[in-house]
Amino acid sequence: MKKSVLCAVVLGVWSFLLPGAVRAHHGDAGRYIAEVTSLTGTVAQFVMVNPHAFIVLDVTENGTTTRWTGELNGPQGLAKSFGWTPDATRKWVGSRVTVTGRRLKSGAPYINLTERARIVLADDGQEIFRTANFGNPVPADEK
């Protein structure tokens, strides 16, 4: 009993001593362009891993194909909100999609799809993913 109480006290003190940045979930930290952009490409892969799932696209522009990665929310949230599972997402591999999200400021082929984002099947226009705030204007503090 004494050992359990001591462990609980040590754990509690330790958690307050850790810097907030270590305990906190990462933020965007200004890594993304505030305005959304759309890209159309072919789905190469869906990666359903924690803490974020990913969609990998081959996007061809001006005759050059670039492999893009789109960061989504966590797989549990995607399963709950959209019914996505590793098996369910396999049906879209090879499909053309249009993703709308925020690109990295560095210009690297990476797009954030966790807010103000959506994914549409390019051939039939079916929307397969949409964040709750898709279509909202850029918040004033991001301009």
Protein backbone atom coordinates (compact mmCIF):
# COMPACT_ATOMS: atom_id res chain seq x y z
CA MET A 1 0.00 0.00 0.00
CA LYS A 2 2.79 2.43 0.95
CA LYS A 3 4.55 1.63 -2.33
CA SER A 4 1.42 2.46 -4.35
CA VAL A 5 0.93 5.78 -2.59
CA LEU A 6 4.60 6.66 -3.02
CA CYS A 7 4.43 5.83 -6.75
CA ALA A 8 1.32 7.98 -7.15
CA VAL A 9 2.96 10.93 -5.38
CA VAL A 10 6.17 10.61 -7.42
CA LEU A 11 4.19 10.38 -10.66
CA GLY A 12 2.10 13.43 -9.71
CA VAL A 13 5.14 15.55 -8.83
CA TRP A 14 6.98 14.39 -11.94
CA SER A 15 4.08 15.37 -14.22
CA PHE A 16 4.11 18.93 -12.86
CA LEU A 17 7.85 19.27 -13.20
CA LEU A 18 7.92 18.35 -16.88
CA PRO A 19 7.97 21.38 -19.16
CA GLY A 20 4.59 22.10 -20.75
CA ALA A 21 6.00 21.65 -24.23
CA VAL A 22 6.90 18.05 -23.48
CA ARG A 23 3.44 17.21 -22.15
CA ALA A 24 1.43 19.08 -24.80
CA HIS A 25 0.28 17.85 -28.19
CA HIS A 26 2.14 19.54 -30.99
CA GLY A 27 0.52 22.47 -32.77
CA ASP A 28 0.96 23.73 -36.29
CA ALA A 29 3.49 26.29 -35.03
CA GLY A 30 3.06 28.31 -38.22
CA ARG A 31 4.26 25.46 -40.45
CA TYR A 32 1.35 25.70 -42.90
CA ILE A 33 0.08 28.36 -45.30
CA ALA A 34 -3.18 29.77 -43.89
CA GLU A 35 -5.16 29.53 -47.15
CA VAL A 36 -6.32 26.16 -48.41
CA THR A 37 -5.11 24.64 -51.68
CA SER A 38 -6.50 21.79 -53.79
CA LEU A 39 -4.47 19.02 -55.40
CA THR A 40 -5.67 16.21 -57.65
CA GLY A 41 -3.77 12.96 -57.79
CA THR A 42 -3.91 9.20 -57.64
CA VAL A 43 -4.06 7.49 -54.26
CA ALA A 44 -0.95 5.38 -53.78
CA GLN A 45 -1.61 4.40 -50.18
CA PHE A 46 -3.58 5.06 -47.00
CA VAL A 47 -1.58 4.68 -43.80
CA MET A 48 -3.80 4.18 -40.76
CA VAL A 49 -1.39 4.68 -37.84
CA ASN A 50 -1.38 6.74 -34.64
CA PRO A 51 -1.25 9.57 -33.90
CA HIS A 52 -2.20 10.65 -37.46
CA ALA A 53 -3.31 8.71 -40.49
CA PHE A 54 -1.91 9.64 -43.91
CA ILE A 55 -3.00 9.58 -47.53
CA VAL A 56 -0.19 9.28 -50.08
CA LEU A 57 -0.89 10.71 -53.55
CA ASP A 58 0.91 10.84 -56.86
CA VAL A 59 0.20 14.32 -58.26
CA THR A 60 1.18 15.11 -61.84
CA GLU A 61 1.70 18.77 -62.74
CA ASN A 62 3.35 19.97 -65.95
CA GLY A 63 4.38 16.41 -66.85
CA THR A 64 6.17 15.79 -63.55
CA THR A 65 4.77 13.40 -60.94
CA THR A 66 5.40 14.21 -57.29
CA ARG A 67 4.49 12.00 -54.35
CA TRP A 68 2.49 14.02 -51.81
CA THR A 69 1.62 13.09 -48.23
CA GLY A 70 -1.57 14.34 -46.62
CA GLU A 71 -1.81 14.28 -42.83
CA LEU A 72 -5.24 13.32 -41.52
CA ASN A 73 -6.68 12.97 -38.04
CA GLY A 74 -6.11 9.84 -35.98
CA PRO A 75 -7.41 6.50 -37.24
CA GLN A 76 -9.88 6.12 -34.35
CA GLY A 77 -11.57 9.41 -35.22
CA LEU A 78 -11.65 8.52 -38.92
CA ALA A 79 -13.23 5.16 -38.09
CA LYS A 80 -15.84 6.79 -35.85
CA SER A 81 -16.70 9.70 -38.16
CA PHE A 82 -16.33 8.10 -41.60
CA GLY A 83 -16.19 4.32 -41.07
CA TRP A 84 -12.59 4.24 -42.30
CA THR A 85 -10.55 1.16 -41.49
CA PRO A 86 -7.42 -0.16 -43.19
CA ASP A 87 -9.63 -2.53 -45.22
CA ALA A 88 -12.17 0.18 -46.09
CA THR A 89 -9.53 2.61 -47.38
CA ARG A 90 -7.93 0.03 -49.71
CA LYS A 91 -10.83 0.44 -52.17
CA TRP A 92 -9.60 3.97 -52.97
CA VAL A 93 -6.01 3.00 -53.79
CA GLY A 94 -5.58 3.75 -57.50
CA SER A 95 -8.49 6.24 -57.49
CA ARG A 96 -8.10 9.87 -58.49
CA VAL A 97 -8.97 12.24 -55.66
CA THR A 98 -8.91 15.95 -55.04
CA VAL A 99 -7.66 16.92 -51.59
CA THR A 100 -8.13 20.38 -50.15
CA GLY A 101 -6.00 21.46 -47.21
CA ARG A 102 -3.09 23.61 -46.14
CA ARG A 103 0.37 23.18 -47.70
CA LEU A 104 3.64 23.43 -45.85
CA LYS A 105 5.26 26.87 -46.01
CA SER A 106 8.54 25.22 -46.97
CA GLY A 107 7.03 24.04 -50.26
CA ALA A 108 7.65 20.36 -49.47
CA PRO A 109 5.00 18.00 -50.89
CA TYR A 110 3.01 17.71 -47.67
CA ILE A 111 -0.53 18.91 -46.99
CA ASN A 112 -2.42 19.16 -43.71
CA LEU A 113 -5.92 17.67 -43.86
CA THR A 114 -6.84 18.00 -40.19
CA GLU A 115 -8.78 21.26 -40.48
CA ARG A 116 -10.58 23.22 -43.23
CA ALA A 117 -10.04 20.18 -45.43
CA ARG A 118 -11.82 17.62 -47.56
CA ILE A 119 -11.24 14.74 -49.97
CA VAL A 120 -13.40 14.20 -53.06
CA LEU A 121 -13.29 11.32 -55.55
CA ALA A 122 -12.30 13.13 -58.76
CA ASP A 123 -14.20 10.88 -61.16
CA ASP A 124 -17.68 11.13 -59.62
CA GLY A 125 -17.44 14.06 -57.19
CA GLN A 126 -18.29 11.93 -54.13
CA GLU A 127 -17.02 13.54 -50.97
CA ILE A 128 -15.36 10.91 -48.76
CA PHE A 129 -13.88 13.19 -46.08
CA ARG A 130 -14.69 16.64 -44.73
CA THR A 131 -13.62 18.39 -41.56
CA ALA A 132 -16.30 20.20 -39.58
CA ASN A 133 -14.80 23.60 -40.42
CA PHE A 134 -14.28 23.04 -44.15
CA GLY A 135 -15.23 26.18 -46.08
CA ASN A 136 -14.78 28.46 -43.09
CA PRO A 137 -12.67 31.57 -43.70
CA VAL A 138 -9.10 31.80 -42.50
CA PRO A 139 -9.16 32.75 -38.81
CA ALA A 140 -7.93 36.31 -38.15
CA ASP A 141 -5.04 35.08 -36.00
CA GLU A 142 -3.69 33.01 -38.94
CA LYS A 143 -3.64 35.82 -41.50
